[in-house]
């Protein structure tokens, strides 16, 4: 039930997307700040929704705390929803420090880990709330 409600919220937010946002995502491989690679299509083809959290200002933490709490409520990337966080930094040590300071257990991607190209290609699709952006990709490769 919780998953369904979260998906409905992001679907509703998706109606506010700009016209230039593509309807489907292309394949990407992300490398987190610890050097672990994640292939987007492998996650999607495994019937997982992928929810991206884009942090635009690393000095604010309230939305990340909310995102971490939601991650724990929805099965910690082991079920239908896979969480990833994208930070606006190229420095993996900054990503690792952020991950540790915020108690983030899901993958944290920096700009050099694939976040830069992904953000560039899909920036018009991201829903922003303050300094935080969100993007949900469904198993059928559609963007909401």
N, C-alpha and C. Protein backbone atom coordinates (compact mmCIF):
# COMPACT_ATOMS: atom_id res chain seq x y z
N UNK A 1 0.82 -1.19 0.00
CA UNK A 1 0.00 0.00 0.00
C UNK A 1 0.87 1.26 0.00
N UNK A 2 1.94 1.24 0.82
CA UNK A 2 2.82 2.41 0.87
C UNK A 2 3.46 2.66 -0.49
N UNK A 3 3.88 1.58 -1.15
CA UNK A 3 4.52 1.73 -2.47
C UNK A 3 3.54 2.34 -3.45
N UNK A 4 2.31 1.87 -3.42
CA UNK A 4 1.30 2.37 -4.34
C UNK A 4 1.05 3.86 -4.12
N UNK A 5 1.01 4.28 -2.87
CA UNK A 5 0.79 5.69 -2.56
C UNK A 5 1.96 6.55 -3.03
N UNK A 6 3.19 6.06 -2.81
CA UNK A 6 4.35 6.81 -3.26
C UNK A 6 4.37 6.93 -4.78
N UNK A 7 4.08 5.85 -5.46
CA UNK A 7 4.06 5.87 -6.92
C UNK A 7 2.99 6.83 -7.42
N UNK A 8 1.82 6.83 -6.79
CA UNK A 8 0.75 7.75 -7.18
C UNK A 8 1.16 9.21 -6.99
N UNK A 9 1.87 9.49 -5.91
CA UNK A 9 2.34 10.86 -5.67
C UNK A 9 3.27 11.29 -6.79
N UNK A 10 4.22 10.42 -7.13
CA UNK A 10 5.16 10.78 -8.17
C UNK A 10 4.51 10.80 -9.56
N UNK A 11 3.50 10.00 -9.77
CA UNK A 11 2.76 10.08 -11.03
C UNK A 11 2.04 11.42 -11.13
N UNK A 12 1.44 11.84 -10.03
CA UNK A 12 0.75 13.13 -10.02
C UNK A 12 1.74 14.27 -10.27
N UNK A 13 2.92 14.18 -9.66
CA UNK A 13 3.94 15.20 -9.88
C UNK A 13 4.41 15.18 -11.33
N UNK A 14 4.39 14.02 -11.93
CA UNK A 14 4.84 13.87 -13.31
C UNK A 14 4.02 14.66 -14.30
N UNK A 15 2.78 14.94 -14.00
CA UNK A 15 1.94 15.71 -14.90
C UNK A 15 2.45 17.14 -15.04
N UNK A 16 3.28 17.57 -14.10
CA UNK A 16 3.80 18.93 -14.13
C UNK A 16 5.10 19.03 -14.93
N UNK A 17 5.53 17.95 -15.53
CA UNK A 17 6.80 17.95 -16.26
C UNK A 17 6.72 18.84 -17.50
N UNK A 18 7.86 19.35 -17.91
CA UNK A 18 7.92 20.20 -19.08
C UNK A 18 7.75 19.36 -20.34
N UNK A 19 7.32 20.02 -21.41
CA UNK A 19 7.03 19.32 -22.67
C UNK A 19 8.27 18.67 -23.28
N UNK A 20 9.47 19.20 -23.04
CA UNK A 20 10.66 18.64 -23.68
C UNK A 20 11.21 17.40 -22.98
N UNK A 21 10.58 16.96 -21.94
CA UNK A 21 11.01 15.75 -21.25
C UNK A 21 10.66 14.52 -22.09
N UNK A 22 11.64 13.66 -22.38
CA UNK A 22 11.32 12.44 -23.13
C UNK A 22 10.42 11.53 -22.31
N UNK A 23 9.67 10.68 -22.97
CA UNK A 23 8.76 9.79 -22.25
C UNK A 23 9.48 8.55 -21.74
N UNK A 24 10.58 8.17 -22.38
CA UNK A 24 11.33 7.00 -21.95
C UNK A 24 12.79 7.36 -21.72
N UNK A 25 13.39 6.64 -20.80
CA UNK A 25 14.79 6.86 -20.46
C UNK A 25 15.68 5.95 -21.30
N UNK A 26 16.90 6.42 -21.56
CA UNK A 26 17.90 5.58 -22.22
C UNK A 26 18.72 4.88 -21.14
N UNK A 27 19.42 3.84 -21.53
CA UNK A 27 20.20 3.09 -20.56
C UNK A 27 21.39 3.90 -20.05
N UNK A 28 21.69 3.76 -18.78
CA UNK A 28 22.83 4.41 -18.15
C UNK A 28 23.48 3.43 -17.19
N UNK A 29 24.77 3.55 -17.03
CA UNK A 29 25.46 2.84 -15.97
C UNK A 29 26.06 3.90 -15.06
N UNK A 30 25.71 3.81 -13.79
CA UNK A 30 26.19 4.75 -12.79
C UNK A 30 27.24 4.06 -11.93
N UNK A 31 28.23 4.80 -11.49
CA UNK A 31 29.22 4.29 -10.55
C UNK A 31 29.14 5.14 -9.30
N UNK A 32 28.81 4.49 -8.18
CA UNK A 32 28.66 5.26 -6.95
C UNK A 32 30.02 5.65 -6.39
N UNK A 33 30.00 6.41 -5.31
CA UNK A 33 31.25 6.95 -4.74
C UNK A 33 32.15 5.88 -4.16
N UNK A 34 31.65 4.65 -4.05
CA UNK A 34 32.48 3.53 -3.57
C UNK A 34 32.96 2.65 -4.72
N UNK A 35 32.68 3.05 -5.97
CA UNK A 35 33.14 2.31 -7.13
C UNK A 35 32.24 1.18 -7.59
N UNK A 36 31.03 1.08 -7.02
CA UNK A 36 30.09 0.03 -7.41
C UNK A 36 29.25 0.53 -8.59
N UNK A 37 29.16 -0.29 -9.64
CA UNK A 37 28.40 0.08 -10.83
C UNK A 37 26.97 -0.42 -10.75
N UNK A 38 26.04 0.41 -11.23
CA UNK A 38 24.61 0.08 -11.29
C UNK A 38 24.12 0.39 -12.69
N UNK A 39 23.55 -0.60 -13.34
CA UNK A 39 23.00 -0.41 -14.67
C UNK A 39 21.50 -0.15 -14.55
N UNK A 40 21.05 0.97 -15.10
CA UNK A 40 19.66 1.38 -14.98
C UNK A 40 18.71 0.35 -15.58
N UNK A 41 19.00 -0.14 -16.77
CA UNK A 41 18.08 -1.10 -17.40
C UNK A 41 18.04 -2.43 -16.66
N UNK A 42 19.15 -2.83 -16.05
CA UNK A 42 19.12 -4.07 -15.25
C UNK A 42 18.17 -3.92 -14.08
N UNK A 43 18.19 -2.76 -13.43
CA UNK A 43 17.26 -2.51 -12.32
C UNK A 43 15.83 -2.49 -12.82
N UNK A 44 15.59 -1.77 -13.92
CA UNK A 44 14.23 -1.65 -14.45
C UNK A 44 13.72 -3.00 -14.97
N UNK A 45 14.58 -3.73 -15.66
CA UNK A 45 14.17 -5.03 -16.19
C UNK A 45 13.96 -6.05 -15.09
N UNK A 46 14.49 -5.77 -13.91
CA UNK A 46 14.24 -6.59 -12.73
C UNK A 46 12.96 -6.20 -12.02
N UNK A 47 12.13 -5.42 -12.71
CA UNK A 47 10.82 -4.98 -12.21
C UNK A 47 10.92 -4.02 -11.03
N UNK A 48 12.01 -3.27 -10.94
CA UNK A 48 12.14 -2.27 -9.89
C UNK A 48 11.90 -0.88 -10.48
N UNK A 49 11.17 -0.06 -9.73
CA UNK A 49 11.10 1.36 -10.03
C UNK A 49 12.40 1.96 -9.51
N UNK A 50 12.91 2.98 -10.19
CA UNK A 50 14.13 3.63 -9.74
C UNK A 50 13.79 5.09 -9.42
N UNK A 51 14.04 5.46 -8.19
CA UNK A 51 13.74 6.81 -7.72
C UNK A 51 15.05 7.54 -7.46
N UNK A 52 15.25 8.63 -8.20
CA UNK A 52 16.45 9.45 -8.05
C UNK A 52 16.14 10.65 -7.18
N UNK A 53 17.08 10.97 -6.30
CA UNK A 53 17.01 12.17 -5.48
C UNK A 53 18.21 13.02 -5.87
N UNK A 54 17.95 14.21 -6.39
CA UNK A 54 19.01 15.12 -6.81
C UNK A 54 19.16 16.19 -5.73
N UNK A 55 20.31 16.22 -5.08
CA UNK A 55 20.59 17.22 -4.07
C UNK A 55 21.33 18.36 -4.74
N UNK A 56 20.75 19.55 -4.73
CA UNK A 56 21.39 20.69 -5.38
C UNK A 56 22.17 21.54 -4.40
N UNK A 57 21.92 21.36 -3.11
CA UNK A 57 22.62 22.14 -2.09
C UNK A 57 22.94 21.20 -0.93
N UNK A 58 24.19 20.84 -0.79
CA UNK A 58 24.56 19.86 0.23
C UNK A 58 24.63 20.45 1.63
N UNK A 59 24.32 21.74 1.79
CA UNK A 59 24.31 22.32 3.13
C UNK A 59 22.95 22.14 3.80
N UNK A 60 21.92 21.72 3.06
CA UNK A 60 20.61 21.46 3.66
C UNK A 60 20.41 19.95 3.72
N UNK A 61 19.86 19.48 4.83
CA UNK A 61 19.77 18.04 5.02
C UNK A 61 18.36 17.51 5.25
N UNK A 62 17.37 18.37 5.45
CA UNK A 62 16.05 17.88 5.85
C UNK A 62 15.42 16.98 4.80
N UNK A 63 15.56 17.30 3.52
CA UNK A 63 14.96 16.46 2.48
C UNK A 63 15.71 15.14 2.36
N UNK A 64 17.01 15.15 2.56
CA UNK A 64 17.76 13.90 2.52
C UNK A 64 17.33 13.00 3.66
N UNK A 65 17.13 13.57 4.84
CA UNK A 65 16.65 12.80 5.98
C UNK A 65 15.31 12.16 5.66
N UNK A 66 14.41 12.92 5.05
CA UNK A 66 13.11 12.39 4.64
C UNK A 66 13.27 11.28 3.62
N UNK A 67 14.18 11.46 2.67
CA UNK A 67 14.43 10.46 1.64
C UNK A 67 15.00 9.18 2.26
N UNK A 68 15.92 9.31 3.22
CA UNK A 68 16.49 8.16 3.91
C UNK A 68 15.40 7.42 4.68
N UNK A 69 14.53 8.15 5.36
CA UNK A 69 13.43 7.52 6.10
C UNK A 69 12.50 6.77 5.16
N UNK A 70 12.20 7.35 4.02
CA UNK A 70 11.34 6.70 3.03
C UNK A 70 12.01 5.43 2.51
N UNK A 71 13.31 5.50 2.29
CA UNK A 71 14.09 4.34 1.85
C UNK A 71 13.90 3.17 2.82
N UNK A 72 13.98 3.44 4.10
CA UNK A 72 13.81 2.38 5.10
C UNK A 72 12.38 1.85 5.13
N UNK A 73 11.41 2.69 4.87
CA UNK A 73 10.01 2.26 4.87
C UNK A 73 9.68 1.37 3.68
N UNK A 74 10.41 1.54 2.57
CA UNK A 74 10.07 0.83 1.34
C UNK A 74 11.00 -0.33 1.01
N UNK A 75 11.67 -0.89 1.98
CA UNK A 75 12.38 -2.14 1.76
C UNK A 75 13.84 -2.05 1.44
N UNK A 76 14.45 -0.89 1.59
CA UNK A 76 15.91 -0.77 1.46
C UNK A 76 16.46 -1.34 0.16
N UNK A 77 15.90 -0.97 -0.97
CA UNK A 77 16.36 -1.36 -2.31
C UNK A 77 16.26 -2.85 -2.59
N UNK A 78 15.59 -3.59 -1.75
CA UNK A 78 15.48 -5.02 -1.97
C UNK A 78 14.16 -5.44 -2.59
N UNK A 79 13.26 -4.50 -2.79
CA UNK A 79 11.94 -4.86 -3.31
C UNK A 79 11.66 -4.14 -4.61
N UNK A 80 10.50 -3.49 -4.69
CA UNK A 80 10.05 -2.90 -5.94
C UNK A 80 10.60 -1.50 -6.23
N UNK A 81 11.21 -0.87 -5.26
CA UNK A 81 11.66 0.50 -5.42
C UNK A 81 13.15 0.60 -5.09
N UNK A 82 13.94 1.14 -6.03
CA UNK A 82 15.38 1.27 -5.84
C UNK A 82 15.73 2.76 -5.76
N UNK A 83 16.37 3.18 -4.69
CA UNK A 83 16.73 4.57 -4.45
C UNK A 83 18.16 4.85 -4.89
N UNK A 84 18.37 6.04 -5.48
CA UNK A 84 19.71 6.51 -5.82
C UNK A 84 19.75 8.01 -5.54
N UNK A 85 20.90 8.49 -5.09
CA UNK A 85 21.05 9.93 -4.84
C UNK A 85 22.15 10.47 -5.72
N UNK A 86 21.92 11.64 -6.31
CA UNK A 86 22.89 12.28 -7.19
C UNK A 86 23.31 13.60 -6.55
N UNK A 87 24.62 13.75 -6.35
CA UNK A 87 25.17 14.97 -5.75
C UNK A 87 25.89 15.81 -6.80
N UNK A 88 25.88 17.12 -6.61
CA UNK A 88 26.53 18.01 -7.59
C UNK A 88 28.02 18.17 -7.32
N UNK A 89 28.73 17.06 -7.23
CA UNK A 89 30.16 17.11 -6.98
C UNK A 89 30.87 16.06 -7.84
N UNK A 90 32.10 16.34 -8.20
CA UNK A 90 32.91 15.38 -8.95
C UNK A 90 33.81 14.58 -8.03
N UNK A 91 33.87 14.97 -6.78
CA UNK A 91 34.81 14.40 -5.83
C UNK A 91 34.16 13.23 -5.07
N UNK A 92 34.65 12.02 -5.29
CA UNK A 92 34.09 10.85 -4.61
C UNK A 92 34.26 10.91 -3.10
N UNK A 93 35.32 11.55 -2.63
CA UNK A 93 35.50 11.64 -1.17
C UNK A 93 34.42 12.53 -0.56
N UNK A 94 33.98 13.56 -1.29
CA UNK A 94 32.87 14.41 -0.82
C UNK A 94 31.59 13.59 -0.78
N UNK A 95 31.37 12.76 -1.81
CA UNK A 95 30.19 11.88 -1.84
C UNK A 95 30.21 10.91 -0.66
N UNK A 96 31.35 10.30 -0.42
CA UNK A 96 31.46 9.35 0.70
C UNK A 96 31.22 10.04 2.03
N UNK A 97 31.74 11.25 2.18
CA UNK A 97 31.54 12.01 3.41
C UNK A 97 30.06 12.36 3.58
N UNK A 98 29.42 12.79 2.50
CA UNK A 98 27.98 13.11 2.53
C UNK A 98 27.19 11.86 2.92
N UNK A 99 27.52 10.77 2.30
CA UNK A 99 26.83 9.51 2.57
C UNK A 99 26.95 9.13 4.04
N UNK A 100 28.14 9.27 4.59
CA UNK A 100 28.37 8.93 6.00
C UNK A 100 27.66 9.93 6.92
N UNK A 101 27.80 11.22 6.65
CA UNK A 101 27.19 12.25 7.50
C UNK A 101 25.67 12.17 7.52
N UNK A 102 25.07 11.77 6.39
CA UNK A 102 23.61 11.73 6.29
C UNK A 102 23.03 10.34 6.56
N UNK A 103 23.89 9.38 6.88
CA UNK A 103 23.47 7.99 7.12
C UNK A 103 22.74 7.41 5.91
N UNK A 104 23.27 7.69 4.73
CA UNK A 104 22.68 7.22 3.47
C UNK A 104 23.23 5.84 3.16
N UNK A 105 22.35 4.86 3.02
CA UNK A 105 22.77 3.48 2.74
C UNK A 105 22.61 3.10 1.28
N UNK A 106 21.91 3.90 0.51
CA UNK A 106 21.71 3.60 -0.91
C UNK A 106 22.81 4.27 -1.73
N UNK A 107 22.93 3.93 -3.02
CA UNK A 107 24.01 4.48 -3.84
C UNK A 107 23.97 6.00 -3.94
N UNK A 108 25.12 6.62 -3.76
CA UNK A 108 25.30 8.06 -3.95
C UNK A 108 26.21 8.24 -5.15
N UNK A 109 25.70 8.96 -6.14
CA UNK A 109 26.39 9.13 -7.41
C UNK A 109 26.87 10.57 -7.52
N UNK A 110 28.13 10.76 -7.87
CA UNK A 110 28.65 12.09 -8.14
C UNK A 110 28.55 12.40 -9.63
N UNK A 111 28.99 13.56 -10.00
CA UNK A 111 28.91 13.97 -11.41
C UNK A 111 29.77 13.10 -12.30
N UNK A 112 30.94 12.68 -11.83
CA UNK A 112 31.82 11.83 -12.65
C UNK A 112 31.35 10.38 -12.69
N UNK A 113 30.44 10.00 -11.81
CA UNK A 113 29.95 8.62 -11.77
C UNK A 113 28.75 8.38 -12.68
N UNK A 114 28.50 9.32 -13.58
CA UNK A 114 27.36 9.21 -14.50
C UNK A 114 26.28 10.22 -14.21
N UNK A 115 26.35 10.87 -13.06
CA UNK A 115 25.33 11.83 -12.68
C UNK A 115 25.28 13.05 -13.58
N UNK A 116 26.44 13.51 -14.07
CA UNK A 116 26.48 14.70 -14.91
C UNK A 116 25.72 14.49 -16.22
N UNK A 117 26.02 13.40 -16.93
CA UNK A 117 25.35 13.14 -18.20
C UNK A 117 23.86 12.87 -18.00
N UNK A 118 23.53 12.11 -16.97
CA UNK A 118 22.13 11.79 -16.69
C UNK A 118 21.36 13.07 -16.36
N UNK A 119 21.93 13.92 -15.51
CA UNK A 119 21.29 15.18 -15.16
C UNK A 119 21.12 16.06 -16.39
N UNK A 120 22.14 16.11 -17.22
CA UNK A 120 22.10 16.92 -18.44
C UNK A 120 20.99 16.43 -19.38
N UNK A 121 20.86 15.13 -19.54
CA UNK A 121 19.87 14.58 -20.46
C UNK A 121 18.44 14.68 -19.93
N UNK A 122 18.25 14.65 -18.61
CA UNK A 122 16.90 14.58 -18.05
C UNK A 122 16.57 15.71 -17.08
N UNK A 123 17.31 16.81 -17.15
CA UNK A 123 17.07 17.92 -16.22
C UNK A 123 15.66 18.48 -16.35
N UNK A 124 15.08 18.44 -17.54
CA UNK A 124 13.73 18.96 -17.73
C UNK A 124 12.66 18.03 -17.15
N UNK A 125 13.05 16.83 -16.76
CA UNK A 125 12.10 15.85 -16.23
C UNK A 125 12.05 15.85 -14.69
N UNK A 126 12.98 16.52 -14.07
CA UNK A 126 13.11 16.46 -12.62
C UNK A 126 12.10 17.38 -11.96
N UNK A 127 11.41 16.85 -10.97
CA UNK A 127 10.48 17.66 -10.17
C UNK A 127 11.27 18.21 -8.98
N UNK A 128 11.24 19.54 -8.82
CA UNK A 128 11.98 20.17 -7.73
C UNK A 128 11.06 20.61 -6.60
N UNK A 129 11.57 20.40 -5.40
CA UNK A 129 10.95 20.89 -4.19
C UNK A 129 12.07 21.53 -3.38
N UNK A 130 12.15 22.84 -3.41
CA UNK A 130 13.27 23.53 -2.75
C UNK A 130 14.58 23.19 -3.44
N UNK A 131 15.56 22.76 -2.68
CA UNK A 131 16.88 22.41 -3.21
C UNK A 131 17.00 20.94 -3.59
N UNK A 132 15.89 20.26 -3.69
CA UNK A 132 15.91 18.83 -3.97
C UNK A 132 15.08 18.52 -5.20
N UNK A 133 15.59 17.59 -6.01
CA UNK A 133 14.86 17.16 -7.19
C UNK A 133 14.58 15.68 -7.12
N UNK A 134 13.51 15.27 -7.79
CA UNK A 134 13.10 13.87 -7.78
C UNK A 134 12.74 13.44 -9.20
N UNK A 135 13.09 12.20 -9.51
CA UNK A 135 12.75 11.63 -10.80
C UNK A 135 12.46 10.15 -10.59
N UNK A 136 11.30 9.71 -11.05
CA UNK A 136 10.90 8.31 -10.93
C UNK A 136 10.89 7.68 -12.32
N UNK A 137 11.54 6.54 -12.44
CA UNK A 137 11.55 5.80 -13.70
C UNK A 137 10.92 4.43 -13.44
N UNK A 138 9.96 4.08 -14.27
CA UNK A 138 9.19 2.85 -14.09
C UNK A 138 9.83 1.67 -14.82
N UNK A 139 9.48 0.45 -14.43
CA UNK A 139 10.07 -0.72 -15.07
C UNK A 139 9.88 -0.79 -16.59
N UNK A 140 8.85 -0.12 -17.11
CA UNK A 140 8.66 -0.09 -18.56
C UNK A 140 9.51 0.98 -19.23
N UNK A 141 10.45 1.60 -18.48
CA UNK A 141 11.42 2.58 -18.92
C UNK A 141 10.80 3.97 -19.12
N UNK A 142 9.56 4.17 -18.66
CA UNK A 142 8.91 5.47 -18.77
C UNK A 142 9.30 6.36 -17.60
N UNK A 143 9.35 7.65 -17.86
CA UNK A 143 9.72 8.65 -16.85
C UNK A 143 8.45 9.29 -16.31
N UNK A 144 8.38 9.37 -14.99
CA UNK A 144 7.25 10.05 -14.35
C UNK A 144 7.75 11.09 -13.39
